[in-house]
Amino acid sequence: MLPTPLLYLFAALAEIGGCFAFWAWWRLDRSILWLVPGVVSLALFAWLLSLSSAEFAGRAYAAYGGIYIATSLAWLWAVEHRSPDQWDLIGGAVCLVGAGIILYGPRAV
């Protein structure tokens, strides 16, 4: 089993890739065939997220959200060739701290 942060990173890449396929088709006038790998990628995302070690789906989704936001900013830079600005970076850092608190905060048994 992958460590949870790595699992969330792969899930985020699958979700972003799937959503970007729809974006490309709809907004960038790409072929409708872009939707085929997009749907597969979104199914992969859902499966990966279900592998989380979190006891509750809501907690897994909340912690995942921070990883998703940071990964989206990396996508902005790497794929769309736009540099995140200082507010993107600060917001992403805050989200990662929040995800860490959710993932690793002490829990009452």
Protein backbone atom coordinates (compact mmCIF):
# COMPACT_ATOMS: atom_id res chain seq x y z
CA MET A 1 0.00 0.00 0.00
CA LEU A 2 1.25 3.47 -0.88
CA PRO A 3 1.74 6.10 1.83
CA THR A 4 -1.40 8.23 2.00
CA PRO A 5 0.17 11.49 0.72
CA LEU A 6 1.58 9.65 -2.32
CA LEU A 7 -1.76 7.95 -2.93
CA TYR A 8 -3.47 11.34 -2.80
CA LEU A 9 -0.90 12.78 -5.22
CA PHE A 10 -1.63 10.03 -7.77
CA ALA A 11 -5.38 10.49 -7.23
CA ALA A 12 -5.00 14.24 -7.79
CA LEU A 13 -3.07 13.72 -11.02
CA ALA A 14 -5.76 11.32 -12.25
CA GLU A 15 -8.57 13.73 -11.33
CA ILE A 16 -6.85 16.77 -12.80
CA GLY A 17 -5.96 14.87 -15.97
CA GLY A 18 -9.53 13.66 -16.36
CA CYS A 19 -11.00 17.08 -15.75
CA PHE A 20 -8.46 18.66 -18.09
CA ALA A 21 -9.57 16.30 -20.86
CA PHE A 22 -13.09 17.71 -20.52
CA TRP A 23 -11.68 21.26 -20.35
CA ALA A 24 -9.65 20.66 -23.51
CA TRP A 25 -12.66 19.28 -25.38
CA TRP A 26 -15.06 21.99 -24.27
CA ARG A 27 -12.86 25.07 -23.89
CA LEU A 28 -9.89 24.38 -26.17
CA ASP A 29 -11.91 22.89 -29.04
CA ARG A 30 -10.18 19.51 -28.94
CA SER A 31 -11.68 16.33 -30.35
CA ILE A 32 -14.52 14.67 -28.46
CA LEU A 33 -12.22 11.65 -28.28
CA TRP A 34 -10.39 13.47 -25.45
CA LEU A 35 -13.35 12.42 -23.28
CA VAL A 36 -12.44 8.73 -23.48
CA PRO A 37 -9.16 8.96 -21.54
CA GLY A 38 -10.79 11.66 -19.42
CA VAL A 39 -13.48 9.27 -18.18
CA VAL A 40 -10.92 6.51 -17.60
CA SER A 41 -8.74 8.92 -15.65
CA LEU A 42 -11.66 10.03 -13.48
CA ALA A 43 -12.55 6.40 -12.73
CA LEU A 44 -8.91 5.80 -11.77
CA PHE A 45 -9.08 8.83 -9.48
CA ALA A 46 -12.16 7.47 -7.68
CA TRP A 47 -10.57 4.05 -7.24
CA LEU A 48 -7.30 5.50 -5.94
CA LEU A 49 -9.08 7.71 -3.43
CA SER A 50 -11.04 4.70 -2.16
CA LEU A 51 -7.71 3.08 -1.21
CA SER A 52 -7.09 5.73 1.46
CA SER A 53 -6.36 4.45 4.94
CA ALA A 54 -8.74 7.03 6.45
CA GLU A 55 -11.55 5.50 8.49
CA PHE A 56 -14.20 7.80 7.02
CA ALA A 57 -14.77 8.97 3.45
CA GLY A 58 -15.39 12.58 4.47
CA ARG A 59 -12.05 12.79 6.28
CA ALA A 60 -10.24 11.21 3.31
CA TYR A 61 -11.86 13.68 0.92
CA ALA A 62 -11.08 16.66 3.15
CA ALA A 63 -7.41 15.75 3.51
CA TYR A 64 -7.20 14.93 -0.19
CA GLY A 65 -8.48 18.41 -1.00
CA GLY A 66 -5.28 20.03 0.24
CA ILE A 67 -3.14 17.73 -1.89
CA TYR A 68 -5.43 18.35 -4.86
CA ILE A 69 -5.05 22.12 -4.58
CA ALA A 70 -1.25 21.98 -4.39
CA THR A 71 -1.12 19.52 -7.30
CA SER A 72 -3.42 21.78 -9.34
CA LEU A 73 -0.98 24.63 -8.89
CA ALA A 74 1.86 22.37 -10.03
CA TRP A 75 -0.29 21.46 -13.08
CA LEU A 76 -0.79 25.17 -13.78
CA TRP A 77 2.97 25.58 -13.94
CA ALA A 78 4.02 22.30 -15.61
CA VAL A 79 1.22 21.74 -18.13
CA GLU A 80 -0.34 25.14 -18.73
CA HIS A 81 2.97 27.02 -18.49
CA ARG A 82 1.65 29.67 -16.12
CA SER A 83 3.57 30.44 -12.97
CA PRO A 84 1.53 30.44 -9.77
CA ASP A 85 1.65 33.86 -8.12
CA GLN A 86 2.45 34.51 -4.48
CA TRP A 87 -1.19 34.17 -3.46
CA ASP A 88 -1.48 30.81 -5.21
CA LEU A 89 1.61 29.60 -3.35
CA ILE A 90 0.50 30.93 0.03
CA GLY A 91 -2.97 29.44 -0.44
CA GLY A 92 -1.50 26.11 -1.53
CA ALA A 93 0.78 26.03 1.51
CA VAL A 94 -2.16 26.75 3.84
CA CYS A 95 -4.11 23.90 2.21
CA LEU A 96 -1.20 21.48 2.64
CA VAL A 97 -0.92 22.41 6.32
CA GLY A 98 -4.65 21.82 6.69
CA ALA A 99 -4.42 18.46 4.96
CA GLY A 100 -1.56 17.48 7.26
CA ILE A 101 -3.58 18.40 10.33
CA ILE A 102 -6.52 16.35 9.10
CA LEU A 103 -4.31 13.35 8.20
CA TYR A 104 -1.98 13.31 11.18
CA GLY A 105 -3.81 15.10 14.00
CA PRO A 106 -4.26 13.02 17.14
CA ARG A 107 -7.65 11.33 17.27
CA ALA A 108 -9.65 10.32 20.30
CA VAL A 109 -10.22 6.58 20.25
